Each structure stands twice: as structure tokens, then as C-alpha cells.
C-alpha atoms as a PDB file:
ATOM      1  CA  MET A   1       0.000   0.000   0.000  1.00  0.00           C
ATOM      2  CA  GLU A   2       1.378   3.393  -0.895  1.00  0.00           C
ATOM      3  CA  GLN A   3       1.768   6.033   1.773  1.00  0.00           C
ATOM      4  CA  ALA A   4      -1.626   7.597   2.476  1.00  0.00           C
ATOM      5  CA  VAL A   5      -2.318  10.802   4.425  1.00  0.00           C
ATOM      6  CA  SER A   6      -5.481  12.203   5.984  1.00  0.00           C
ATOM      7  CA  GLU A   7      -6.087  15.348   8.039  1.00  0.00           C
ATOM      8  CA  VAL A   8      -8.522  15.781  10.958  1.00  0.00           C
ATOM      9  CA  ARG A   9      -9.474  19.119  12.532  1.00  0.00           C
ATOM     10  CA  VAL A  10      -9.260  19.422  16.311  1.00  0.00           C
ATOM     11  CA  GLY A  11     -12.755  20.606  17.129  1.00  0.00           C
ATOM     12  CA  ARG A  12     -15.360  20.621  19.860  1.00  0.00           C
ATOM     13  CA  LEU A  13     -16.327  16.976  19.346  1.00  0.00           C
ATOM     14  CA  LEU A  14     -12.738  15.730  19.613  1.00  0.00           C
ATOM     15  CA  LYS A  15     -12.193  17.778  22.779  1.00  0.00           C
ATOM     16  CA  ARG A  16     -15.378  16.352  24.290  1.00  0.00           C
ATOM     17  CA  TYR A  17     -14.922  12.623  23.600  1.00  0.00           C
ATOM     18  CA  TRP A  18     -11.128  12.412  23.018  1.00  0.00           C
ATOM     19  CA  ARG A  19     -11.387   9.910  20.194  1.00  0.00           C
ATOM     20  CA  VAL A  20     -10.002  10.258  16.669  1.00  0.00           C
ATOM     21  CA  ARG A  21     -11.674   8.249  13.929  1.00  0.00           C
ATOM     22  CA  VAL A  22      -9.191   6.568  11.605  1.00  0.00           C
ATOM     23  CA  PRO A  23     -10.385   6.202   7.988  1.00  0.00           C
ATOM     24  CA  ARG A  24     -11.277   2.651   6.933  1.00  0.00           C
ATOM     25  CA  LYS A  25      -8.599   2.490   4.210  1.00  0.00           C
ATOM     26  CA  PHE A  26      -5.906   3.113   6.870  1.00  0.00           C
ATOM     27  CA  ARG A  27      -7.111   0.728   9.566  1.00  0.00           C
ATOM     28  CA  GLU A  28      -7.460  -2.468   7.512  1.00  0.00           C
ATOM     29  CA  GLY A  29      -5.272  -5.112   9.149  1.00  0.00           C
ATOM     30  CA  VAL A  30      -4.001  -2.796  11.909  1.00  0.00           C
ATOM     31  CA  ALA A  31      -4.811  -3.000  15.644  1.00  0.00           C
ATOM     32  CA  GLU A  32      -2.575  -0.225  17.031  1.00  0.00           C
ATOM     33  CA  ALA A  33      -1.683   3.377  16.264  1.00  0.00           C
ATOM     34  CA  LEU A  34       1.367   5.453  17.158  1.00  0.00           C
ATOM     35  CA  ILE A  35       0.906   9.022  18.447  1.00  0.00           C
ATOM     36  CA  GLU A  36       4.006  11.188  17.927  1.00  0.00           C
ATOM     37  CA  LEU A  37       3.947  14.282  20.119  1.00  0.00           C
ATOM     38  CA  GLU A  38       6.744  16.509  21.461  1.00  0.00           C
ATOM     39  CA  GLY A  39       9.437  13.926  20.822  1.00  0.00           C
ATOM     40  CA  GLU A  40       7.503  11.141  22.545  1.00  0.00           C
ATOM     41  CA  ARG A  41       5.830   8.142  20.936  1.00  0.00           C
ATOM     42  CA  TRP A  42       2.688   6.603  22.412  1.00  0.00           C
ATOM     43  CA  LEU A  43       1.358   3.248  21.224  1.00  0.00           C
ATOM     44  CA  VAL A  44      -2.436   3.069  21.585  1.00  0.00           C
ATOM     45  CA  GLU A  45      -5.007   0.526  20.440  1.00  0.00           C
ATOM     46  CA  LEU A  46      -7.802   1.025  17.930  1.00  0.00           C
ATOM     47  CA  ASP A  47     -11.252   0.168  19.264  1.00  0.00           C
ATOM     48  CA  LYS A  48     -13.672  -2.025  17.300  1.00  0.00           C
ATOM     49  CA  HIS A  49     -15.069   1.053  15.511  1.00  0.00           C
ATOM     50  CA  GLY A  50     -11.649   2.205  14.282  1.00  0.00           C
ATOM     51  CA  ARG A  51     -11.157   5.041  16.755  1.00  0.00           C
ATOM     52  CA  VAL A  52      -8.042   6.021  18.695  1.00  0.00           C
ATOM     53  CA  TYR A  53      -8.517   7.134  22.307  1.00  0.00           C
ATOM     54  CA  ILE A  54      -6.272  10.070  23.310  1.00  0.00           C
ATOM     55  CA  PRO A  55      -4.528   9.413  26.673  1.00  0.00           C
ATOM     56  CA  VAL A  56      -5.072  11.966  29.475  1.00  0.00           C
ATOM     57  CA  LYS A  57      -1.408  13.048  29.553  1.00  0.00           C
ATOM     58  CA  LEU A  58      -1.518  14.075  25.878  1.00  0.00           C
ATOM     59  CA  ARG A  59      -4.757  16.075  25.998  1.00  0.00           C
ATOM     60  CA  PRO A  60      -3.266  19.502  26.875  1.00  0.00           C
ATOM     61  CA  SER A  61      -0.905  19.275  23.885  1.00  0.00           C
ATOM     62  CA  ILE A  62      -3.673  18.060  21.556  1.00  0.00           C
ATOM     63  CA  GLU A  63      -5.903  20.980  22.629  1.00  0.00           C
ATOM     64  CA  LYS A  64      -3.255  23.424  21.363  1.00  0.00           C
ATOM     65  CA  ALA A  65      -3.114  21.752  17.945  1.00  0.00           C
ATOM     66  CA  LYS A  66      -5.366  22.812  15.064  1.00  0.00           C
ATOM     67  CA  THR A  67      -5.165  19.588  13.030  1.00  0.00           C
ATOM     68  CA  ILE A  68      -4.016  15.989  13.375  1.00  0.00           C
ATOM     69  CA  ILE A  69      -2.284  14.278  10.462  1.00  0.00           C
ATOM     70  CA  ILE A  70      -3.050  10.563  10.088  1.00  0.00           C
ATOM     71  CA  LYS A  71      -0.572   8.529   8.010  1.00  0.00           C
ATOM     72  CA  ARG A  72      -0.111   4.876   7.290  1.00  0.00           C
ATOM     73  CA  GLU A  73       3.422   3.655   6.760  1.00  0.00           C
ATOM     74  CA  GLY A  74       3.509  -0.075   6.136  1.00  0.00           C
ATOM     75  CA  SER A  75       1.549  -1.726   8.939  1.00  0.00           C
ATOM     76  CA  THR A  76       1.703   1.318  11.244  1.00  0.00           C
ATOM     77  CA  ILE A  77      -0.791   4.161  11.635  1.00  0.00           C
ATOM     78  CA  ILE A  78       0.861   7.402  12.776  1.00  0.00           C
ATOM     79  CA  LEU A  79      -0.976  10.388  14.297  1.00  0.00           C
ATOM     80  CA  LYS A  80       0.859  13.727  14.452  1.00  0.00           C
ATOM     81  CA  PRO A  81      -0.789  16.864  15.868  1.00  0.00           C
ATOM     82  CA  ARG A  82       0.070  20.118  14.055  1.00  0.00           C
ATOM     83  CA  PRO A  83      -0.243  23.676  15.390  1.00  0.00           C
ATOM     84  CA  TYR A  84      -1.669  24.955  12.075  1.00  0.00           C
END
């Protein structure tokens, strides 16, 4: 599979439920996602609906971001928050 990229806005719904929905084409055959934030890497599981739950320690940094980039590289899903 070639490298695919998707972008998600950080909005009111994300800040309320703290779940990011991963597109179906990215999550096929994958059970975990990697969140890269401030030099740290967090490995989190996808739930049965294809959503990633944001851990409590990462929430203040995610709130500051405007968008989250979702990439698939091989068998890994990567989430990277961006300030713009």
C-alpha cells in the first residue's frame, strides 16, 4: 500500500470525547496506532469502531493543535498533531 495521508481538525467533538476516527482504508489489518507528540511516541489501540482514544497526559498538547495528520506507513498508523 502506498503512503496515504489524511487530516482531521481538532474541534469541539474531539475535545469532548477524546477519540479520533481513523479512515477505513488506513485501519485495515491494523490494531494499534502510534501518536508522535513533542518527541515522545505513544502506542495506543484502535477500538472495534476504528477510533483512537487520546490518553489523558496528551490532551493539553492536543488541545493546542489545530489539526491531526493521520498517516499509514507499512503496517503502522501514525498520528501527528500540528499547530496549524
